[in-house]
Amino acid sequence: MTQPLMKDPVGGADYFLRGFALIRRPGIRAFVLIPLLVNFVLFAGAFYALLLQLDKLFAWLHGMIPEWLSWLDYLLWPLALITVLVLFSFLFSSVANWIAAPFNGLLAEKVEQVLTGESAADTGMLDVVKDIPRTLSREWIKLKYYLPKAIGCLILFLIPVVGQTVAPVLWFLFSAWMMAIQYVDYPFDNHKIDFITMREALKQRRGKCLSFGALVTLFASIPVVNLFVMPVAICGATAMWVDHYRPTYRKTGNP
């Protein structure tokens, strides 16, 4: 049975900010490098490909507009770059989480070990590789939970006036909730706690999880800064797990 909730002065946003300090802790820094490397490689490669496509698009536009409008290049290029960066930030986070998922779980494990002072079973690279199918299966479960709700929110944007007024607020709240699920799930999954149990546990502290996810969402929408969001969010989410969920949910996966 889940333990009764108690008031806690530490908010969800505070846990995300705490992640910035945790990624610099001895014993954790080395495990932050892999998620960061995955982020940088993905971002650099994908952004370069997008720039090539933009170059082709502007070459096509040059052939469509008269010479006297060529000055529009100075206006359109910065606007195009900003638009691509913002839109790409959202897509990039999802892809990076999938690819780095096994290493994210390892990072969460090491953060928990440092915070609790309890030794954990040594997890080598071979163990991480063996765990990839199960980890990706967990990511697929999260994606199936996400997609129908995301589609519903996006449909609201097509409804004039009322829908378009409510949709941005709902989309932000839903994104915040999904960010909490995405990152707090790593320590839950390390303890083999199923997705439904994890989701119900987060609902018990919905306000804390939403404030955590809201700050993650805001930082993830900032180009370049979003490269560092994933390891920071994992560290902060694991700290939240240690403080609020670990005493109840143990290795067995049962309350």
C-alpha atoms as a PDB file:
ATOM      1  CA  MET A   1       0.000   0.000   0.000  1.00  0.00           C
ATOM      2  CA  THR A   2       1.314   3.453  -0.921  1.00  0.00           C
ATOM      3  CA  GLN A   3       2.471   5.557   2.009  1.00  0.00           C
ATOM      4  CA  PRO A   4       0.411   8.690   2.807  1.00  0.00           C
ATOM      5  CA  LEU A   5       1.748  11.863   1.237  1.00  0.00           C
ATOM      6  CA  MET A   6       3.427  14.510   3.360  1.00  0.00           C
ATOM      7  CA  LYS A   7       4.036  18.153   2.601  1.00  0.00           C
ATOM      8  CA  ASP A   8       7.459  18.813   1.170  1.00  0.00           C
ATOM      9  CA  PRO A   9       9.041  22.267   0.785  1.00  0.00           C
ATOM     10  CA  VAL A  10      11.161  21.126  -2.163  1.00  0.00           C
ATOM     11  CA  GLY A  11       9.295  21.708  -5.433  1.00  0.00           C
ATOM     12  CA  GLY A  12       9.603  19.758  -8.652  1.00  0.00           C
ATOM     13  CA  ALA A  13      11.371  22.659 -10.380  1.00  0.00           C
ATOM     14  CA  ASP A  14      13.970  22.599  -7.599  1.00  0.00           C
ATOM     15  CA  TYR A  15      14.825  19.005  -8.470  1.00  0.00           C
ATOM     16  CA  PHE A  16      15.531  19.926 -12.078  1.00  0.00           C
ATOM     17  CA  LEU A  17      17.810  22.766 -10.952  1.00  0.00           C
ATOM     18  CA  ARG A  18      19.488  20.357  -8.545  1.00  0.00           C
ATOM     19  CA  GLY A  19      20.395  18.260 -11.573  1.00  0.00           C
ATOM     20  CA  PHE A  20      22.875  20.932 -12.706  1.00  0.00           C
ATOM     21  CA  ALA A  21      24.858  20.400  -9.504  1.00  0.00           C
ATOM     22  CA  LEU A  22      24.564  16.614  -9.616  1.00  0.00           C
ATOM     23  CA  ILE A  23      26.076  16.232 -13.088  1.00  0.00           C
ATOM     24  CA  ARG A  24      29.319  17.674 -11.665  1.00  0.00           C
ATOM     25  CA  ARG A  25      29.479  15.280  -8.707  1.00  0.00           C
ATOM     26  CA  PRO A  26      32.393  12.797  -8.569  1.00  0.00           C
ATOM     27  CA  GLY A  27      31.181   9.371  -9.610  1.00  0.00           C
ATOM     28  CA  ILE A  28      28.510  10.866 -11.867  1.00  0.00           C
ATOM     29  CA  ARG A  29      30.425  13.042 -14.328  1.00  0.00           C
ATOM     30  CA  ALA A  30      31.795  10.101 -16.317  1.00  0.00           C
ATOM     31  CA  PHE A  31      28.283   8.708 -16.887  1.00  0.00           C
ATOM     32  CA  VAL A  32      27.013  12.094 -18.081  1.00  0.00           C
ATOM     33  CA  LEU A  33      29.452  12.086 -20.994  1.00  0.00           C
ATOM     34  CA  ILE A  34      27.689   9.397 -23.045  1.00  0.00           C
ATOM     35  CA  PRO A  35      24.228  11.064 -23.076  1.00  0.00           C
ATOM     36  CA  LEU A  36      25.927  14.395 -23.832  1.00  0.00           C
ATOM     37  CA  LEU A  37      27.953  12.842 -26.648  1.00  0.00           C
ATOM     38  CA  VAL A  38      24.817  11.271 -28.116  1.00  0.00           C
ATOM     39  CA  ASN A  39      23.110  14.668 -27.993  1.00  0.00           C
ATOM     40  CA  PHE A  40      25.964  16.533 -29.650  1.00  0.00           C
ATOM     41  CA  VAL A  41      26.437  13.980 -32.452  1.00  0.00           C
ATOM     42  CA  LEU A  42      22.714  13.782 -33.206  1.00  0.00           C
ATOM     43  CA  PHE A  43      22.233  17.525 -33.060  1.00  0.00           C
ATOM     44  CA  ALA A  44      25.249  18.345 -35.229  1.00  0.00           C
ATOM     45  CA  GLY A  45      24.402  15.722 -37.869  1.00  0.00           C
ATOM     46  CA  ALA A  46      20.683  16.467 -38.067  1.00  0.00           C
ATOM     47  CA  PHE A  47      21.132  20.238 -38.007  1.00  0.00           C
ATOM     48  CA  TYR A  48      23.714  20.046 -40.788  1.00  0.00           C
ATOM     49  CA  ALA A  49      21.269  18.010 -42.877  1.00  0.00           C
ATOM     50  CA  LEU A  50      18.544  20.579 -42.230  1.00  0.00           C
ATOM     51  CA  LEU A  51      20.834  23.414 -43.280  1.00  0.00           C
ATOM     52  CA  LEU A  52      21.515  21.619 -46.562  1.00  0.00           C
ATOM     53  CA  GLN A  53      17.779  21.360 -47.168  1.00  0.00           C
ATOM     54  CA  LEU A  54      17.354  25.053 -46.363  1.00  0.00           C
ATOM     55  CA  ASP A  55      20.078  25.874 -48.845  1.00  0.00           C
ATOM     56  CA  LYS A  56      18.203  23.954 -51.540  1.00  0.00           C
ATOM     57  CA  LEU A  57      14.954  25.681 -50.573  1.00  0.00           C
ATOM     58  CA  PHE A  58      16.496  29.145 -50.903  1.00  0.00           C
ATOM     59  CA  ALA A  59      18.096  28.203 -54.202  1.00  0.00           C
ATOM     60  CA  TRP A  60      14.623  27.269 -55.445  1.00  0.00           C
ATOM     61  CA  LEU A  61      13.179  30.544 -54.111  1.00  0.00           C
ATOM     62  CA  HIS A  62      15.852  32.520 -55.976  1.00  0.00           C
ATOM     63  CA  GLY A  63      14.497  31.098 -59.174  1.00  0.00           C
ATOM     64  CA  MET A  64      10.930  32.054 -58.261  1.00  0.00           C
ATOM     65  CA  ILE A  65      11.283  35.663 -57.074  1.00  0.00           C
ATOM     66  CA  PRO A  66      12.404  38.685 -59.121  1.00  0.00           C
ATOM     67  CA  GLU A  67      15.901  40.116 -58.719  1.00  0.00           C
ATOM     68  CA  TRP A  68      14.706  43.260 -56.989  1.00  0.00           C
ATOM     69  CA  LEU A  69      13.431  41.136 -54.065  1.00  0.00           C
ATOM     70  CA  SER A  70      16.817  39.470 -53.466  1.00  0.00           C
ATOM     71  CA  TRP A  71      17.253  41.596 -50.326  1.00  0.00           C
ATOM     72  CA  LEU A  72      14.750  39.247 -48.651  1.00  0.00           C
ATOM     73  CA  ASP A  73      17.648  36.826 -48.076  1.00  0.00           C
ATOM     74  CA  TYR A  74      18.847  38.977 -45.189  1.00  0.00           C
ATOM     75  CA  LEU A  75      15.430  38.658 -43.560  1.00  0.00           C
ATOM     76  CA  LEU A  76      14.418  35.096 -44.454  1.00  0.00           C
ATOM     77  CA  TRP A  77      17.639  33.294 -43.498  1.00  0.00           C
ATOM     78  CA  PRO A  78      17.612  34.383 -39.826  1.00  0.00           C
ATOM     79  CA  LEU A  79      13.888  33.666 -39.564  1.00  0.00           C
ATOM     80  CA  ALA A  80      14.341  30.252 -41.157  1.00  0.00           C
ATOM     81  CA  LEU A  81      17.245  29.376 -38.839  1.00  0.00           C
ATOM     82  CA  ILE A  82      15.313  30.377 -35.706  1.00  0.00           C
ATOM     83  CA  THR A  83      12.225  28.439 -36.834  1.00  0.00           C
ATOM     84  CA  VAL A  84      14.252  25.328 -37.631  1.00  0.00           C
ATOM     85  CA  LEU A  85      16.100  25.489 -34.308  1.00  0.00           C
ATOM     86  CA  VAL A  86      12.907  25.781 -32.250  1.00  0.00           C
ATOM     87  CA  LEU A  87      11.001  23.053 -34.108  1.00  0.00           C
ATOM     88  CA  PHE A  88      14.037  20.801 -34.204  1.00  0.00           C
ATOM     89  CA  SER A  89      14.515  21.158 -30.445  1.00  0.00           C
ATOM     90  CA  PHE A  90      11.231  19.337 -29.765  1.00  0.00           C
ATOM     91  CA  LEU A  91      11.857  16.520 -32.281  1.00  0.00           C
ATOM     92  CA  PHE A  92      15.485  16.183 -31.261  1.00  0.00           C
ATOM     93  CA  SER A  93      14.683  15.465 -27.600  1.00  0.00           C
ATOM     94  CA  SER A  94      12.437  12.515 -28.481  1.00  0.00           C
ATOM     95  CA  VAL A  95      14.955  10.876 -30.823  1.00  0.00           C
ATOM     96  CA  ALA A  96      17.846  11.418 -28.406  1.00  0.00           C
ATOM     97  CA  ASN A  97      15.899   9.790 -25.553  1.00  0.00           C
ATOM     98  CA  TRP A  98      15.321   6.681 -27.637  1.00  0.00           C
ATOM     99  CA  ILE A  99      18.948   6.285 -28.693  1.00  0.00           C
ATOM    100  CA  ALA A 100      20.447   7.118 -25.307  1.00  0.00           C
ATOM    101  CA  ALA A 101      17.829   5.225 -23.242  1.00  0.00           C
ATOM    102  CA  PRO A 102      20.136   2.373 -22.071  1.00  0.00           C
ATOM    103  CA  PHE A 103      22.814   4.864 -20.978  1.00  0.00           C
ATOM    104  CA  ASN A 104      20.208   7.097 -19.342  1.00  0.00           C
ATOM    105  CA  GLY A 105      19.197   4.184 -17.141  1.00  0.00           C
ATOM    106  CA  LEU A 106      22.842   3.638 -16.220  1.00  0.00           C
ATOM    107  CA  LEU A 107      23.216   7.321 -15.326  1.00  0.00           C
ATOM    108  CA  ALA A 108      20.115   7.153 -13.120  1.00  0.00           C
ATOM    109  CA  GLU A 109      21.548   4.091 -11.381  1.00  0.00           C
ATOM    110  CA  LYS A 110      24.829   5.841 -10.607  1.00  0.00           C
ATOM    111  CA  VAL A 111      23.082   8.990  -9.369  1.00  0.00           C
ATOM    112  CA  GLU A 112      20.974   6.893  -7.004  1.00  0.00           C
ATOM    113  CA  GLN A 113      24.087   5.130  -5.766  1.00  0.00           C
ATOM    114  CA  VAL A 114      25.838   8.441  -5.038  1.00  0.00           C
ATOM    115  CA  LEU A 115      22.786   9.958  -3.317  1.00  0.00           C
ATOM    116  CA  THR A 116      22.035   6.956  -1.119  1.00  0.00           C
ATOM    117  CA  GLY A 117      25.602   5.834  -0.444  1.00  0.00           C
ATOM    118  CA  GLU A 118      24.499   2.261  -1.115  1.00  0.00           C
ATOM    119  CA  SER A 119      26.583   0.130  -3.447  1.00  0.00           C
ATOM    120  CA  ALA A 120      24.816  -1.301  -6.458  1.00  0.00           C
ATOM    121  CA  ALA A 121      25.685  -4.216  -8.664  1.00  0.00           C
ATOM    122  CA  ASP A 122      28.397  -3.190 -11.120  1.00  0.00           C
ATOM    123  CA  THR A 123      26.853  -2.613 -14.514  1.00  0.00           C
ATOM    124  CA  GLY A 124      29.308  -3.009 -17.362  1.00  0.00           C
ATOM    125  CA  MET A 125      28.916  -2.124 -21.020  1.00  0.00           C
ATOM    126  CA  LEU A 126      27.925  -5.719 -21.812  1.00  0.00           C
ATOM    127  CA  ASP A 127      25.060  -5.502 -19.327  1.00  0.00           C
ATOM    128  CA  VAL A 128      23.916  -2.249 -20.940  1.00  0.00           C
ATOM    129  CA  VAL A 129      23.934  -3.882 -24.386  1.00  0.00           C
ATOM    130  CA  LYS A 130      22.006  -6.915 -23.127  1.00  0.00           C
ATOM    131  CA  ASP A 131      19.410  -4.612 -21.586  1.00  0.00           C
ATOM    132  CA  ILE A 132      18.763  -2.668 -24.808  1.00  0.00           C
ATOM    133  CA  PRO A 133      15.706  -4.708 -25.961  1.00  0.00           C
ATOM    134  CA  ARG A 134      13.953  -4.289 -22.596  1.00  0.00           C
ATOM    135  CA  THR A 135      14.860  -0.594 -22.405  1.00  0.00           C
ATOM    136  CA  LEU A 136      13.583   0.124 -25.911  1.00  0.00           C
ATOM    137  CA  SER A 137      10.416  -1.813 -25.110  1.00  0.00           C
ATOM    138  CA  ARG A 138       9.869   0.552 -22.177  1.00  0.00           C
ATOM    139  CA  GLU A 139      10.364   3.558 -24.487  1.00  0.00           C
ATOM    140  CA  TRP A 140       7.784   2.060 -26.862  1.00  0.00           C
ATOM    141  CA  ILE A 141       5.274   1.820 -23.988  1.00  0.00           C
ATOM    142  CA  LYS A 142       5.830   5.500 -23.242  1.00  0.00           C
ATOM    143  CA  LEU A 143       5.388   6.360 -26.919  1.00  0.00           C
ATOM    144  CA  LYS A 144       2.069   4.471 -27.079  1.00  0.00           C
ATOM    145  CA  TYR A 145       0.901   6.414 -24.030  1.00  0.00           C
ATOM    146  CA  TYR A 146       2.038   9.696 -25.587  1.00  0.00           C
ATOM    147  CA  LEU A 147       0.805   9.524 -29.186  1.00  0.00           C
ATOM    148  CA  PRO A 148      -3.021   9.379 -28.780  1.00  0.00           C
ATOM    149  CA  LYS A 149      -3.005  12.232 -26.287  1.00  0.00           C
ATOM    150  CA  ALA A 150      -0.627  14.299 -28.398  1.00  0.00           C
ATOM    151  CA  ILE A 151      -2.820  13.810 -31.477  1.00  0.00           C
ATOM    152  CA  GLY A 152      -5.882  14.868 -29.461  1.00  0.00           C
ATOM    153  CA  CYS A 153      -4.115  18.065 -28.345  1.00  0.00           C
ATOM    154  CA  LEU A 154      -2.982  18.835 -31.884  1.00  0.00           C
ATOM    155  CA  ILE A 155      -6.523  18.421 -33.207  1.00  0.00           C
ATOM    156  CA  LEU A 156      -7.620  21.135 -30.774  1.00  0.00           C
ATOM    157  CA  PHE A 157      -5.343  23.579 -32.586  1.00  0.00           C
ATOM    158  CA  LEU A 158      -7.554  23.143 -35.667  1.00  0.00           C
ATOM    159  CA  ILE A 159     -10.717  24.211 -33.834  1.00  0.00           C
ATOM    160  CA  PRO A 160     -11.247  27.972 -34.268  1.00  0.00           C
ATOM    161  CA  VAL A 161     -11.362  30.326 -31.275  1.00  0.00           C
ATOM    162  CA  VAL A 162     -12.086  27.988 -28.331  1.00  0.00           C
ATOM    163  CA  GLY A 163      -9.790  25.163 -29.414  1.00  0.00           C
ATOM    164  CA  GLN A 164      -6.968  27.472 -30.413  1.00  0.00           C
ATOM    165  CA  THR A 165      -7.264  29.304 -27.095  1.00  0.00           C
ATOM    166  CA  VAL A 166      -7.204  26.198 -24.909  1.00  0.00           C
ATOM    167  CA  ALA A 167      -4.841  24.079 -27.019  1.00  0.00           C
ATOM    168  CA  PRO A 168      -1.559  25.909 -26.216  1.00  0.00           C
ATOM    169  CA  VAL A 169      -2.197  25.647 -22.469  1.00  0.00           C
ATOM    170  CA  LEU A 170      -3.150  21.977 -22.661  1.00  0.00           C
ATOM    171  CA  TRP A 171      -0.174  21.229 -24.901  1.00  0.00           C
ATOM    172  CA  PHE A 172       2.242  22.819 -22.434  1.00  0.00           C
ATOM    173  CA  LEU A 173       0.729  20.973 -19.466  1.00  0.00           C
ATOM    174  CA  PHE A 174       0.751  17.693 -21.372  1.00  0.00           C
ATOM    175  CA  SER A 175       4.381  18.249 -22.438  1.00  0.00           C
ATOM    176  CA  ALA A 176       5.328  18.939 -18.815  1.00  0.00           C
ATOM    177  CA  TRP A 177       3.584  15.754 -17.668  1.00  0.00           C
ATOM    178  CA  MET A 178       5.333  13.695 -20.369  1.00  0.00           C
ATOM    179  CA  MET A 179       8.731  15.144 -19.446  1.00  0.00           C
ATOM    180  CA  ALA A 180       8.173  14.035 -15.855  1.00  0.00           C
ATOM    181  CA  ILE A 181       7.140  10.565 -17.023  1.00  0.00           C
ATOM    182  CA  GLN A 182      10.084  10.359 -19.419  1.00  0.00           C
ATOM    183  CA  TYR A 183      12.789  11.098 -16.862  1.00  0.00           C
ATOM    184  CA  VAL A 184      11.383   9.866 -13.540  1.00  0.00           C
ATOM    185  CA  ASP A 185      10.706   6.577 -15.309  1.00  0.00           C
ATOM    186  CA  TYR A 186      14.423   5.741 -15.552  1.00  0.00           C
ATOM    187  CA  PRO A 187      14.961   5.029 -11.824  1.00  0.00           C
ATOM    188  CA  PHE A 188      11.561   3.296 -11.669  1.00  0.00           C
ATOM    189  CA  ASP A 189      12.560   1.094 -14.580  1.00  0.00           C
ATOM    190  CA  ASN A 190      15.938   0.325 -12.975  1.00  0.00           C
ATOM    191  CA  HIS A 191      13.976  -1.213 -10.103  1.00  0.00           C
ATOM    192  CA  LYS A 192      11.799  -3.181 -12.556  1.00  0.00           C
ATOM    193  CA  ILE A 193       8.654  -1.267 -11.578  1.00  0.00           C
ATOM    194  CA  ASP A 194       6.086  -1.479 -14.367  1.00  0.00           C
ATOM    195  CA  PHE A 195       4.918   1.577 -16.304  1.00  0.00           C
ATOM    196  CA  ILE A 196       1.358   1.651 -14.923  1.00  0.00           C
ATOM    197  CA  THR A 197       2.589   1.531 -11.315  1.00  0.00           C
ATOM    198  CA  MET A 198       5.082   4.300 -12.081  1.00  0.00           C
ATOM    199  CA  ARG A 199       2.406   6.467 -13.702  1.00  0.00           C
ATOM    200  CA  GLU A 200       0.023   6.062 -10.754  1.00  0.00           C
ATOM    201  CA  ALA A 201       2.828   6.924  -8.322  1.00  0.00           C
ATOM    202  CA  LEU A 202       3.549  10.144 -10.222  1.00  0.00           C
ATOM    203  CA  LYS A 203      -0.142  11.077 -10.121  1.00  0.00           C
ATOM    204  CA  GLN A 204       0.057  11.064  -6.321  1.00  0.00           C
ATOM    205  CA  ARG A 205       2.448  14.014  -6.603  1.00  0.00           C
ATOM    206  CA  ARG A 206       1.090  15.506  -9.797  1.00  0.00           C
ATOM    207  CA  GLY A 207       1.882  19.135  -8.864  1.00  0.00           C
ATOM    208  CA  LYS A 208       5.521  18.344  -8.091  1.00  0.00           C
ATOM    209  CA  CYS A 209       5.898  16.320 -11.282  1.00  0.00           C
ATOM    210  CA  LEU A 210       4.249  19.014 -13.403  1.00  0.00           C
ATOM    211  CA  SER A 211       6.504  21.760 -12.060  1.00  0.00           C
ATOM    212  CA  PHE A 212       9.536  19.530 -12.710  1.00  0.00           C
ATOM    213  CA  GLY A 213       8.343  18.736 -16.232  1.00  0.00           C
ATOM    214  CA  ALA A 214       7.422  22.358 -16.959  1.00  0.00           C
ATOM    215  CA  LEU A 215      10.965  23.553 -16.310  1.00  0.00           C
ATOM    216  CA  VAL A 216      12.393  20.673 -18.361  1.00  0.00           C
ATOM    217  CA  THR A 217      10.039  21.627 -21.209  1.00  0.00           C
ATOM    218  CA  LEU A 218      11.119  25.267 -21.089  1.00  0.00           C
ATOM    219  CA  PHE A 219      14.821  24.418 -21.135  1.00  0.00           C
ATOM    220  CA  ALA A 220      14.307  21.789 -23.868  1.00  0.00           C
ATOM    221  CA  SER A 221      12.794  24.457 -26.125  1.00  0.00           C
ATOM    222  CA  ILE A 222      15.939  26.622 -25.991  1.00  0.00           C
ATOM    223  CA  PRO A 223      18.340  25.797 -28.831  1.00  0.00           C
ATOM    224  CA  VAL A 224      21.810  24.609 -27.737  1.00  0.00           C
ATOM    225  CA  VAL A 225      20.729  24.640 -24.069  1.00  0.00           C
ATOM    226  CA  ASN A 226      18.572  21.608 -24.862  1.00  0.00           C
ATOM    227  CA  LEU A 227      21.761  19.613 -25.467  1.00  0.00           C
ATOM    228  CA  PHE A 228      22.333  19.546 -21.705  1.00  0.00           C
ATOM    229  CA  VAL A 229      18.744  18.982 -20.620  1.00  0.00           C
ATOM    230  CA  MET A 230      18.695  15.190 -20.821  1.00  0.00           C
ATOM    231  CA  PRO A 231      21.468  14.349 -18.279  1.00  0.00           C
ATOM    232  CA  VAL A 232      20.408  17.223 -16.001  1.00  0.00           C
ATOM    233  CA  ALA A 233      16.785  16.041 -16.024  1.00  0.00           C
ATOM    234  CA  ILE A 234      17.825  12.433 -15.331  1.00  0.00           C
ATOM    235  CA  CYS A 235      19.895  13.518 -12.331  1.00  0.00           C
ATOM    236  CA  GLY A 236      17.087  15.708 -10.982  1.00  0.00           C
ATOM    237  CA  ALA A 237      14.434  13.050 -11.574  1.00  0.00           C
ATOM    238  CA  THR A 238      16.552  10.438  -9.796  1.00  0.00           C
ATOM    239  CA  ALA A 239      16.937  12.765  -6.817  1.00  0.00           C
ATOM    240  CA  MET A 240      13.135  13.042  -6.756  1.00  0.00           C
ATOM    241  CA  TRP A 241      12.896   9.239  -6.869  1.00  0.00           C
ATOM    242  CA  VAL A 242      15.299   8.873  -3.946  1.00  0.00           C
ATOM    243  CA  ASP A 243      13.433  11.410  -1.803  1.00  0.00           C
ATOM    244  CA  HIS A 244       9.837  10.444  -2.554  1.00  0.00           C
ATOM    245  CA  TYR A 245       9.469   7.033  -4.176  1.00  0.00           C
ATOM    246  CA  ARG A 246      12.415   4.851  -3.204  1.00  0.00           C
ATOM    247  CA  PRO A 247      11.290   4.371   0.424  1.00  0.00           C
ATOM    248  CA  THR A 248       8.059   2.820  -0.894  1.00  0.00           C
ATOM    249  CA  TYR A 249       9.080   1.060  -4.097  1.00  0.00           C
ATOM    250  CA  ARG A 250      12.038  -1.237  -3.728  1.00  0.00           C
ATOM    251  CA  LYS A 251      13.915  -3.696  -5.906  1.00  0.00           C
ATOM    252  CA  THR A 252      10.955  -6.040  -5.938  1.00  0.00           C
ATOM    253  CA  GLY A 253       8.891  -3.453  -7.817  1.00  0.00           C
ATOM    254  CA  ASN A 254       6.095  -3.704  -5.239  1.00  0.00           C
ATOM    255  CA  PRO A 255       4.978  -1.073  -2.736  1.00  0.00           C
END
